[in-house]
Each structure stands twice: as C-alpha cells, then as structure tokens.
Amino acid sequence: MTLPTDRPTRQPRPISLVDTNTPASDASPVRVGVIGLGFGADVHIPALKHLPETDVVAVCSKRPEHA
C-alpha cells in the first residue's frame, strides 16, 4: 500500500567518517576496532578496509576459533 505525501523524496547523502572540508592527505584515519567476528564482521571488516579514511586496528572474539 502506498500513501500519498506532499513531501518530495529525499536522496541519500554520501557518507564519510571524516570531515569532508579537510584534504584527505591531511586527515588522520579513523581507527576502528571490531568486537565479535561472526556474520557482521564478515560484512563490515571488508567494507571498512575499502574506505581510505579508516584503519581496522583491532578485532576480538570470545570464540578462540575466530581469533
């Protein structure tokens, strides 16, 4: 079911983890730690590694087989 609306549809804005007004060469990377290495980590860690402004610096799991 679709409801009529007077508001225009908004387009999503691009996201960034750092201040976009700072040149990339001057910005410090955002350092990220991941807690838990289940399904979410399988998705999030590769995505974070593709962002030039992030460094994955730590991961941990309560399961030794995931360490």
C-alpha atoms as a PDB file:
ATOM      1  CA  MET A   1       0.000   0.000   0.000  1.00  0.00           C
ATOM      2  CA  THR A   2       1.348   3.406  -0.961  1.00  0.00           C
ATOM      3  CA  LEU A   3       0.340   6.521   0.936  1.00  0.00           C
ATOM      4  CA  PRO A   4       0.224   9.925  -0.763  1.00  0.00           C
ATOM      5  CA  THR A   5       2.617  12.523   0.571  1.00  0.00           C
ATOM      6  CA  ASP A   6       3.283  16.186  -0.047  1.00  0.00           C
ATOM      7  CA  ARG A   7       6.966  15.843   0.766  1.00  0.00           C
ATOM      8  CA  PRO A   8       9.400  15.208  -2.074  1.00  0.00           C
ATOM      9  CA  THR A   9      11.502  12.083  -1.909  1.00  0.00           C
ATOM     10  CA  ARG A  10      14.946  12.842  -0.493  1.00  0.00           C
ATOM     11  CA  GLN A  11      18.040  11.327  -1.993  1.00  0.00           C
ATOM     12  CA  PRO A  12      20.557   9.811   0.440  1.00  0.00           C
ATOM     13  CA  ARG A  13      23.676  11.885   1.034  1.00  0.00           C
ATOM     14  CA  PRO A  14      27.101  10.306   0.629  1.00  0.00           C
ATOM     15  CA  ILE A  15      28.616   9.395   3.982  1.00  0.00           C
ATOM     16  CA  SER A  16      32.118   9.948   5.213  1.00  0.00           C
ATOM     17  CA  LEU A  17      33.770   9.171   8.531  1.00  0.00           C
ATOM     18  CA  VAL A  18      35.969  12.249   8.428  1.00  0.00           C
ATOM     19  CA  ASP A  19      35.476  15.984   7.952  1.00  0.00           C
ATOM     20  CA  THR A  20      34.983  16.472   4.230  1.00  0.00           C
ATOM     21  CA  ASN A  21      36.380  20.005   4.434  1.00  0.00           C
ATOM     22  CA  THR A  22      39.829  18.667   5.352  1.00  0.00           C
ATOM     23  CA  PRO A  23      42.003  17.483   2.455  1.00  0.00           C
ATOM     24  CA  ALA A  24      42.357  13.697   2.538  1.00  0.00           C
ATOM     25  CA  SER A  25      46.137  13.932   2.724  1.00  0.00           C
ATOM     26  CA  ASP A  26      45.852  15.999   5.937  1.00  0.00           C
ATOM     27  CA  ALA A  27      43.150  13.957   7.684  1.00  0.00           C
ATOM     28  CA  SER A  28      44.052  11.313  10.233  1.00  0.00           C
ATOM     29  CA  PRO A  29      42.389   7.973   9.560  1.00  0.00           C
ATOM     30  CA  VAL A  30      39.556   6.830  11.784  1.00  0.00           C
ATOM     31  CA  ARG A  31      40.871   3.846  13.744  1.00  0.00           C
ATOM     32  CA  VAL A  32      38.270   1.096  14.130  1.00  0.00           C
ATOM     33  CA  GLY A  33      38.092  -1.930  16.419  1.00  0.00           C
ATOM     34  CA  VAL A  34      35.619  -4.742  15.773  1.00  0.00           C
ATOM     35  CA  ILE A  35      34.122  -6.722  18.650  1.00  0.00           C
ATOM     36  CA  GLY A  36      32.765 -10.091  17.589  1.00  0.00           C
ATOM     37  CA  LEU A  37      33.805 -11.951  14.469  1.00  0.00           C
ATOM     38  CA  GLY A  38      30.549 -13.509  13.359  1.00  0.00           C
ATOM     39  CA  PHE A  39      28.480 -12.736  10.270  1.00  0.00           C
ATOM     40  CA  GLY A  40      28.529  -8.977  10.841  1.00  0.00           C
ATOM     41  CA  ALA A  41      32.308  -8.887  10.865  1.00  0.00           C
ATOM     42  CA  ASP A  42      32.405 -10.836   7.584  1.00  0.00           C
ATOM     43  CA  VAL A  43      30.494  -7.944   6.042  1.00  0.00           C
ATOM     44  CA  HIS A  44      31.827  -4.937   7.956  1.00  0.00           C
ATOM     45  CA  ILE A  45      35.583  -5.597   8.006  1.00  0.00           C
ATOM     46  CA  PRO A  46      35.962  -5.865   4.203  1.00  0.00           C
ATOM     47  CA  ALA A  47      33.782  -2.760   3.778  1.00  0.00           C
ATOM     48  CA  LEU A  48      35.879  -0.791   6.288  1.00  0.00           C
ATOM     49  CA  LYS A  49      39.101  -1.878   4.573  1.00  0.00           C
ATOM     50  CA  HIS A  50      37.843  -0.348   1.313  1.00  0.00           C
ATOM     51  CA  LEU A  51      37.348   3.076   2.920  1.00  0.00           C
ATOM     52  CA  PRO A  52      40.600   5.019   2.571  1.00  0.00           C
ATOM     53  CA  GLU A  53      39.872   7.101   5.679  1.00  0.00           C
ATOM     54  CA  THR A  54      39.657   4.078   8.031  1.00  0.00           C
ATOM     55  CA  ASP A  55      42.145   1.668   9.595  1.00  0.00           C
ATOM     56  CA  VAL A  56      40.902  -1.554  11.183  1.00  0.00           C
ATOM     57  CA  VAL A  57      43.329  -1.734  14.112  1.00  0.00           C
ATOM     58  CA  ALA A  58      41.845  -4.407  16.391  1.00  0.00           C
ATOM     59  CA  VAL A  59      39.458  -7.335  16.342  1.00  0.00           C
ATOM     60  CA  CYS A  60      38.365  -9.620  19.163  1.00  0.00           C
ATOM     61  CA  SER A  61      36.109 -12.589  19.718  1.00  0.00           C
ATOM     62  CA  LYS A  62      35.140 -14.696  22.705  1.00  0.00           C
ATOM     63  CA  ARG A  63      35.482 -17.777  20.487  1.00  0.00           C
ATOM     64  CA  PRO A  64      39.111 -18.971  20.201  1.00  0.00           C
ATOM     65  CA  GLU A  65      38.459 -20.485  16.759  1.00  0.00           C
ATOM     66  CA  HIS A  66      37.696 -16.989  15.411  1.00  0.00           C
ATOM     67  CA  ALA A  67      40.887 -15.447  16.764  1.00  0.00           C
END
